[in-house]
Amino acid sequence: ISEQLATVKQQLVDKEKAFLAASKRATDREAELEKVYEDLNNAKNALLELKSKTSEDAIARQEITSLLEELADAKNQVQRLEAAQSMSSEETKAAKRQVEALEGKIAGLEAAADL
């Protein structure tokens, strides 16, 4: 009986060692899984940040495109105004020449009337 008891005690010791080894492996595995979870969480946050940055970049590109279109419209308007100003300047010169011609005629008529 004492021999059987010693054998059972040895089996119990062996089982406890196996249990402790299995427990340690489970604890180590749990720590690994927690690390993997943390890494995945960090990757998720990085992706969300990248997505946000990409959205911001897209919005910035859209704003730049809009500003470029406004700039092109403004340039076209300046060209139209310059063309109108040029025409107006030509019209002013022509009107000035007519006034000068009329003033000359009036001066001539006044001079003829004085004679």
N, C-alpha and C. Protein backbone atom coordinates (compact mmCIF):
# COMPACT_ATOMS: atom_id res chain seq x y z
N ILE A 1 0.83 -1.19 0.00
CA ILE A 1 0.00 0.00 0.00
C ILE A 1 0.88 1.25 0.00
N SER A 2 1.91 1.26 0.82
CA SER A 2 2.76 2.44 0.85
C SER A 2 3.44 2.66 -0.49
N GLU A 3 3.71 1.56 -1.20
CA GLU A 3 4.29 1.65 -2.52
C GLU A 3 3.29 2.27 -3.49
N GLN A 4 2.05 1.87 -3.40
CA GLN A 4 0.98 2.42 -4.23
C GLN A 4 0.76 3.89 -3.87
N LEU A 5 0.81 4.19 -2.58
CA LEU A 5 0.63 5.57 -2.13
C LEU A 5 1.76 6.43 -2.67
N ALA A 6 2.98 5.92 -2.63
CA ALA A 6 4.11 6.66 -3.17
C ALA A 6 3.94 6.87 -4.68
N THR A 7 3.45 5.86 -5.39
CA THR A 7 3.21 5.97 -6.83
C THR A 7 2.12 7.01 -7.11
N VAL A 8 1.05 6.99 -6.34
CA VAL A 8 -0.05 7.95 -6.53
C VAL A 8 0.44 9.36 -6.20
N LYS A 9 1.26 9.48 -5.12
CA LYS A 9 1.80 10.80 -4.76
C LYS A 9 2.70 11.31 -5.89
N GLN A 10 3.50 10.41 -6.46
CA GLN A 10 4.37 10.81 -7.58
C GLN A 10 3.54 11.23 -8.78
N GLN A 11 2.46 10.48 -9.05
CA GLN A 11 1.57 10.84 -10.16
C GLN A 11 0.93 12.20 -9.89
N LEU A 12 0.57 12.45 -8.62
CA LEU A 12 -0.03 13.73 -8.25
C LEU A 12 0.98 14.86 -8.47
N VAL A 13 2.21 14.61 -8.05
CA VAL A 13 3.27 15.62 -8.26
C VAL A 13 3.45 15.86 -9.77
N ASP A 14 3.49 14.81 -10.56
CA ASP A 14 3.65 14.93 -12.01
C ASP A 14 2.47 15.70 -12.62
N LYS A 15 1.27 15.38 -12.15
CA LYS A 15 0.07 16.06 -12.66
C LYS A 15 0.11 17.54 -12.27
N GLU A 16 0.54 17.86 -11.04
CA GLU A 16 0.64 19.26 -10.61
C GLU A 16 1.66 20.01 -11.45
N LYS A 17 2.80 19.36 -11.75
CA LYS A 17 3.81 19.98 -12.61
C LYS A 17 3.24 20.23 -14.00
N ALA A 18 2.51 19.24 -14.54
CA ALA A 18 1.89 19.39 -15.85
C ALA A 18 0.84 20.51 -15.83
N PHE A 19 0.07 20.57 -14.72
CA PHE A 19 -0.94 21.62 -14.58
C PHE A 19 -0.26 22.99 -14.52
N LEU A 20 0.81 23.10 -13.72
CA LEU A 20 1.52 24.38 -13.61
C LEU A 20 2.13 24.78 -14.96
N ALA A 21 2.69 23.81 -15.69
CA ALA A 21 3.26 24.09 -17.00
C ALA A 21 2.16 24.55 -17.97
N ALA A 22 1.02 23.87 -17.92
CA ALA A 22 -0.09 24.25 -18.80
C ALA A 22 -0.62 25.63 -18.41
N SER A 23 -0.69 25.90 -17.10
CA SER A 23 -1.15 27.21 -16.63
C SER A 23 -0.20 28.31 -17.10
N LYS A 24 1.11 28.04 -17.01
CA LYS A 24 2.10 29.03 -17.46
C LYS A 24 1.96 29.26 -18.96
N ARG A 25 1.79 28.18 -19.73
CA ARG A 25 1.61 28.34 -21.18
C ARG A 25 0.35 29.15 -21.47
N ALA A 26 -0.71 28.89 -20.72
CA ALA A 26 -1.96 29.63 -20.92
C ALA A 26 -1.77 31.10 -20.57
N THR A 27 -1.05 31.37 -19.49
CA THR A 27 -0.79 32.75 -19.08
C THR A 27 0.08 33.46 -20.12
N ASP A 28 1.11 32.73 -20.59
CA ASP A 28 1.97 33.31 -21.64
C ASP A 28 1.18 33.59 -22.91
N ARG A 29 0.32 32.64 -23.27
CA ARG A 29 -0.51 32.81 -24.47
C ARG A 29 -1.45 34.00 -24.30
N GLU A 30 -2.01 34.14 -23.11
CA GLU A 30 -2.91 35.27 -22.84
C GLU A 30 -2.14 36.59 -22.98
N ALA A 31 -0.91 36.64 -22.47
CA ALA A 31 -0.08 37.84 -22.61
C ALA A 31 0.20 38.13 -24.08
N GLU A 32 0.49 37.08 -24.85
CA GLU A 32 0.73 37.25 -26.28
C GLU A 32 -0.52 37.79 -26.98
N LEU A 33 -1.68 37.24 -26.61
CA LEU A 33 -2.93 37.69 -27.22
C LEU A 33 -3.22 39.14 -26.85
N GLU A 34 -2.91 39.52 -25.61
CA GLU A 34 -3.11 40.91 -25.20
C GLU A 34 -2.20 41.83 -26.01
N LYS A 35 -0.97 41.39 -26.26
CA LYS A 35 -0.03 42.17 -27.08
C LYS A 35 -0.55 42.28 -28.51
N VAL A 36 -1.04 41.17 -29.05
CA VAL A 36 -1.60 41.19 -30.40
C VAL A 36 -2.81 42.12 -30.45
N TYR A 37 -3.66 42.06 -29.42
CA TYR A 37 -4.83 42.94 -29.36
C TYR A 37 -4.39 44.41 -29.33
N GLU A 38 -3.37 44.70 -28.53
CA GLU A 38 -2.85 46.07 -28.45
C GLU A 38 -2.29 46.51 -29.80
N ASP A 39 -1.54 45.62 -30.46
CA ASP A 39 -0.98 45.94 -31.78
C ASP A 39 -2.09 46.18 -32.80
N LEU A 40 -3.13 45.35 -32.75
CA LEU A 40 -4.26 45.53 -33.67
C LEU A 40 -4.98 46.84 -33.39
N ASN A 41 -5.13 47.17 -32.13
CA ASN A 41 -5.77 48.43 -31.75
C ASN A 41 -4.94 49.61 -32.26
N ASN A 42 -3.61 49.51 -32.11
CA ASN A 42 -2.74 50.58 -32.61
C ASN A 42 -2.83 50.69 -34.13
N ALA A 43 -2.88 49.55 -34.81
CA ALA A 43 -3.01 49.55 -36.27
C ALA A 43 -4.35 50.16 -36.69
N LYS A 44 -5.39 49.83 -35.96
CA LYS A 44 -6.72 50.40 -36.25
C LYS A 44 -6.69 51.91 -36.09
N ASN A 45 -6.08 52.39 -35.00
CA ASN A 45 -6.00 53.83 -34.76
C ASN A 45 -5.17 54.51 -35.85
N ALA A 46 -4.09 53.85 -36.26
CA ALA A 46 -3.26 54.41 -37.33
C ALA A 46 -4.05 54.49 -38.63
N LEU A 47 -4.84 53.46 -38.92
CA LEU A 47 -5.67 53.47 -40.14
C LEU A 47 -6.73 54.57 -40.08
N LEU A 48 -7.33 54.74 -38.91
CA LEU A 48 -8.33 55.81 -38.77
C LEU A 48 -7.68 57.17 -38.96
N GLU A 49 -6.48 57.33 -38.42
CA GLU A 49 -5.75 58.58 -38.58
C GLU A 49 -5.41 58.81 -40.05
N LEU A 50 -4.97 57.76 -40.71
CA LEU A 50 -4.64 57.85 -42.13
C LEU A 50 -5.88 58.18 -42.96
N LYS A 51 -6.99 57.54 -42.60
CA LYS A 51 -8.24 57.82 -43.30
C LYS A 51 -8.63 59.28 -43.12
N SER A 52 -8.50 59.78 -41.90
CA SER A 52 -8.80 61.18 -41.62
C SER A 52 -7.89 62.09 -42.42
N LYS A 53 -6.60 61.77 -42.45
CA LYS A 53 -5.62 62.57 -43.19
C LYS A 53 -5.95 62.54 -44.68
N THR A 54 -6.31 61.36 -45.18
CA THR A 54 -6.67 61.23 -46.59
C THR A 54 -7.89 62.10 -46.90
N SER A 55 -8.86 62.08 -46.00
CA SER A 55 -10.05 62.91 -46.19
C SER A 55 -9.68 64.39 -46.19
N GLU A 56 -8.80 64.77 -45.25
CA GLU A 56 -8.35 66.16 -45.20
C GLU A 56 -7.62 66.54 -46.48
N ASP A 57 -6.79 65.63 -46.98
CA ASP A 57 -6.06 65.90 -48.22
C ASP A 57 -7.03 66.04 -49.39
N ALA A 58 -8.05 65.20 -49.42
CA ALA A 58 -9.04 65.28 -50.50
C ALA A 58 -9.78 66.61 -50.43
N ILE A 59 -10.13 67.02 -49.22
CA ILE A 59 -10.82 68.30 -49.05
C ILE A 59 -9.91 69.44 -49.47
N ALA A 60 -8.63 69.35 -49.08
CA ALA A 60 -7.67 70.39 -49.47
C ALA A 60 -7.52 70.45 -50.98
N ARG A 61 -7.44 69.27 -51.63
CA ARG A 61 -7.33 69.26 -53.09
C ARG A 61 -8.57 69.88 -53.72
N GLN A 62 -9.73 69.58 -53.16
CA GLN A 62 -10.97 70.14 -53.69
C GLN A 62 -10.99 71.66 -53.51
N GLU A 63 -10.52 72.14 -52.35
CA GLU A 63 -10.47 73.57 -52.11
C GLU A 63 -9.49 74.24 -53.07
N ILE A 64 -8.34 73.60 -53.31
CA ILE A 64 -7.35 74.15 -54.23
C ILE A 64 -7.94 74.23 -55.63
N THR A 65 -8.63 73.17 -56.04
CA THR A 65 -9.26 73.16 -57.36
C THR A 65 -10.27 74.29 -57.48
N SER A 66 -11.07 74.46 -56.43
CA SER A 66 -12.07 75.52 -56.42
C SER A 66 -11.40 76.90 -56.50
N LEU A 67 -10.32 77.08 -55.73
CA LEU A 67 -9.61 78.36 -55.76
C LEU A 67 -8.97 78.61 -57.11
N LEU A 68 -8.45 77.56 -57.74
CA LEU A 68 -7.88 77.72 -59.08
C LEU A 68 -8.95 78.13 -60.09
N GLU A 69 -10.14 77.55 -59.95
CA GLU A 69 -11.24 77.93 -60.84
C GLU A 69 -11.63 79.39 -60.62
N GLU A 70 -11.69 79.80 -59.34
CA GLU A 70 -12.00 81.20 -59.03
C GLU A 70 -10.94 82.13 -59.59
N LEU A 71 -9.67 81.72 -59.49
CA LEU A 71 -8.57 82.52 -60.03
C LEU A 71 -8.71 82.66 -61.54
N ALA A 72 -9.02 81.56 -62.22
CA ALA A 72 -9.20 81.61 -63.68
C ALA A 72 -10.36 82.54 -64.04
N ASP A 73 -11.47 82.46 -63.28
CA ASP A 73 -12.60 83.34 -63.53
C ASP A 73 -12.21 84.81 -63.32
N ALA A 74 -11.44 85.07 -62.25
CA ALA A 74 -11.01 86.43 -61.96
C ALA A 74 -10.11 86.95 -63.08
N LYS A 75 -9.19 86.09 -63.58
CA LYS A 75 -8.32 86.50 -64.67
C LYS A 75 -9.13 86.84 -65.92
N ASN A 76 -10.14 86.00 -66.20
CA ASN A 76 -11.00 86.27 -67.36
C ASN A 76 -11.73 87.59 -67.20
N GLN A 77 -12.20 87.85 -65.99
CA GLN A 77 -12.92 89.09 -65.73
C GLN A 77 -11.97 90.29 -65.90
N VAL A 78 -10.74 90.16 -65.42
CA VAL A 78 -9.76 91.23 -65.59
C VAL A 78 -9.50 91.48 -67.08
N GLN A 79 -9.37 90.40 -67.85
CA GLN A 79 -9.15 90.56 -69.29
C GLN A 79 -10.32 91.27 -69.95
N ARG A 80 -11.54 90.89 -69.54
CA ARG A 80 -12.73 91.55 -70.11
C ARG A 80 -12.76 93.03 -69.73
N LEU A 81 -12.41 93.34 -68.45
CA LEU A 81 -12.40 94.73 -68.01
C LEU A 81 -11.31 95.52 -68.73
N GLU A 82 -10.14 94.89 -68.92
CA GLU A 82 -9.06 95.57 -69.65
C GLU A 82 -9.48 95.85 -71.09
N ALA A 83 -10.16 94.89 -71.70
CA ALA A 83 -10.63 95.07 -73.07
C ALA A 83 -11.67 96.19 -73.12
N ALA A 84 -12.58 96.19 -72.13
CA ALA A 84 -13.61 97.24 -72.08
C ALA A 84 -12.95 98.59 -71.83
N GLN A 85 -11.94 98.62 -70.96
CA GLN A 85 -11.25 99.87 -70.66
C GLN A 85 -10.53 100.38 -71.91
N SER A 86 -9.93 99.45 -72.64
CA SER A 86 -9.22 99.82 -73.86
C SER A 86 -10.20 100.42 -74.87
N MET A 87 -11.37 99.76 -75.01
CA MET A 87 -12.39 100.28 -75.92
C MET A 87 -12.87 101.64 -75.44
N SER A 88 -13.08 101.76 -74.13
CA SER A 88 -13.54 103.02 -73.56
C SER A 88 -12.49 104.11 -73.79
N SER A 89 -11.22 103.74 -73.65
CA SER A 89 -10.14 104.69 -73.87
C SER A 89 -10.14 105.16 -75.33
N GLU A 90 -10.35 104.23 -76.25
CA GLU A 90 -10.42 104.58 -77.67
C GLU A 90 -11.62 105.50 -77.93
N GLU A 91 -12.76 105.15 -77.29
CA GLU A 91 -13.95 105.98 -77.46
C GLU A 91 -13.72 107.37 -76.89
N THR A 92 -13.01 107.44 -75.74
CA THR A 92 -12.71 108.74 -75.13
C THR A 92 -11.82 109.57 -76.05
N LYS A 93 -10.80 108.92 -76.63
CA LYS A 93 -9.91 109.64 -77.54
C LYS A 93 -10.68 110.15 -78.75
N ALA A 94 -11.57 109.31 -79.29
CA ALA A 94 -12.36 109.71 -80.45
C ALA A 94 -13.28 110.88 -80.09
N ALA A 95 -13.89 110.81 -78.89
CA ALA A 95 -14.78 111.89 -78.45
C ALA A 95 -13.98 113.18 -78.25
N LYS A 96 -12.77 113.04 -77.71
CA LYS A 96 -11.91 114.21 -77.49
C LYS A 96 -11.56 114.86 -78.83
N ARG A 97 -11.26 114.00 -79.82
CA ARG A 97 -10.94 114.54 -81.15
C ARG A 97 -12.15 115.27 -81.75
N GLN A 98 -13.36 114.72 -81.53
CA GLN A 98 -14.57 115.38 -82.03
C GLN A 98 -14.78 116.72 -81.35
N VAL A 99 -14.54 116.71 -79.99
CA VAL A 99 -14.70 117.97 -79.25
C VAL A 99 -13.71 119.01 -79.78
N GLU A 100 -12.46 118.58 -79.96
CA GLU A 100 -11.44 119.50 -80.47
C GLU A 100 -11.81 120.01 -81.86
N ALA A 101 -12.35 119.10 -82.68
CA ALA A 101 -12.76 119.51 -84.03
C ALA A 101 -13.91 120.51 -83.95
N LEU A 102 -14.87 120.24 -83.07
CA LEU A 102 -16.01 121.16 -82.91
C LEU A 102 -15.53 122.50 -82.36
N GLU A 103 -14.60 122.45 -81.38
CA GLU A 103 -14.07 123.69 -80.82
C GLU A 103 -13.37 124.51 -81.92
N GLY A 104 -12.65 123.78 -82.80
CA GLY A 104 -11.98 124.46 -83.93
C GLY A 104 -12.99 125.11 -84.86
N LYS A 105 -14.08 124.37 -85.15
CA LYS A 105 -15.11 124.93 -86.03
C LYS A 105 -15.74 126.16 -85.38
N ILE A 106 -16.02 126.05 -84.06
CA ILE A 106 -16.64 127.17 -83.35
C ILE A 106 -15.70 128.38 -83.37
N ALA A 107 -14.43 128.09 -83.09
CA ALA A 107 -13.47 129.20 -83.10
C ALA A 107 -13.42 129.83 -84.50
N GLY A 108 -13.47 128.99 -85.52
CA GLY A 108 -13.46 129.50 -86.89
C GLY A 108 -14.70 130.31 -87.19
N LEU A 109 -15.86 129.82 -86.73
CA LEU A 109 -17.11 130.55 -86.96
C LEU A 109 -17.11 131.86 -86.19
N GLU A 110 -16.61 131.83 -84.95
CA GLU A 110 -16.56 133.06 -84.16
C GLU A 110 -15.63 134.08 -84.83
N ALA A 111 -14.52 133.59 -85.34
CA ALA A 111 -13.57 134.48 -86.00
C ALA A 111 -14.21 135.06 -87.27
N ALA A 112 -14.96 134.22 -87.99
CA ALA A 112 -15.62 134.70 -89.20
C ALA A 112 -16.74 135.68 -88.85
N ALA A 113 -17.39 135.46 -87.69
CA ALA A 113 -18.48 136.35 -87.28
C ALA A 113 -17.93 137.71 -86.87
N ASP A 114 -16.72 137.72 -86.36
CA ASP A 114 -16.10 138.98 -85.92
C ASP A 114 -15.67 139.82 -87.11
N LEU A 115 -15.47 139.20 -88.24
CA LEU A 115 -15.02 139.95 -89.41
C LEU A 115 -16.14 140.70 -90.00
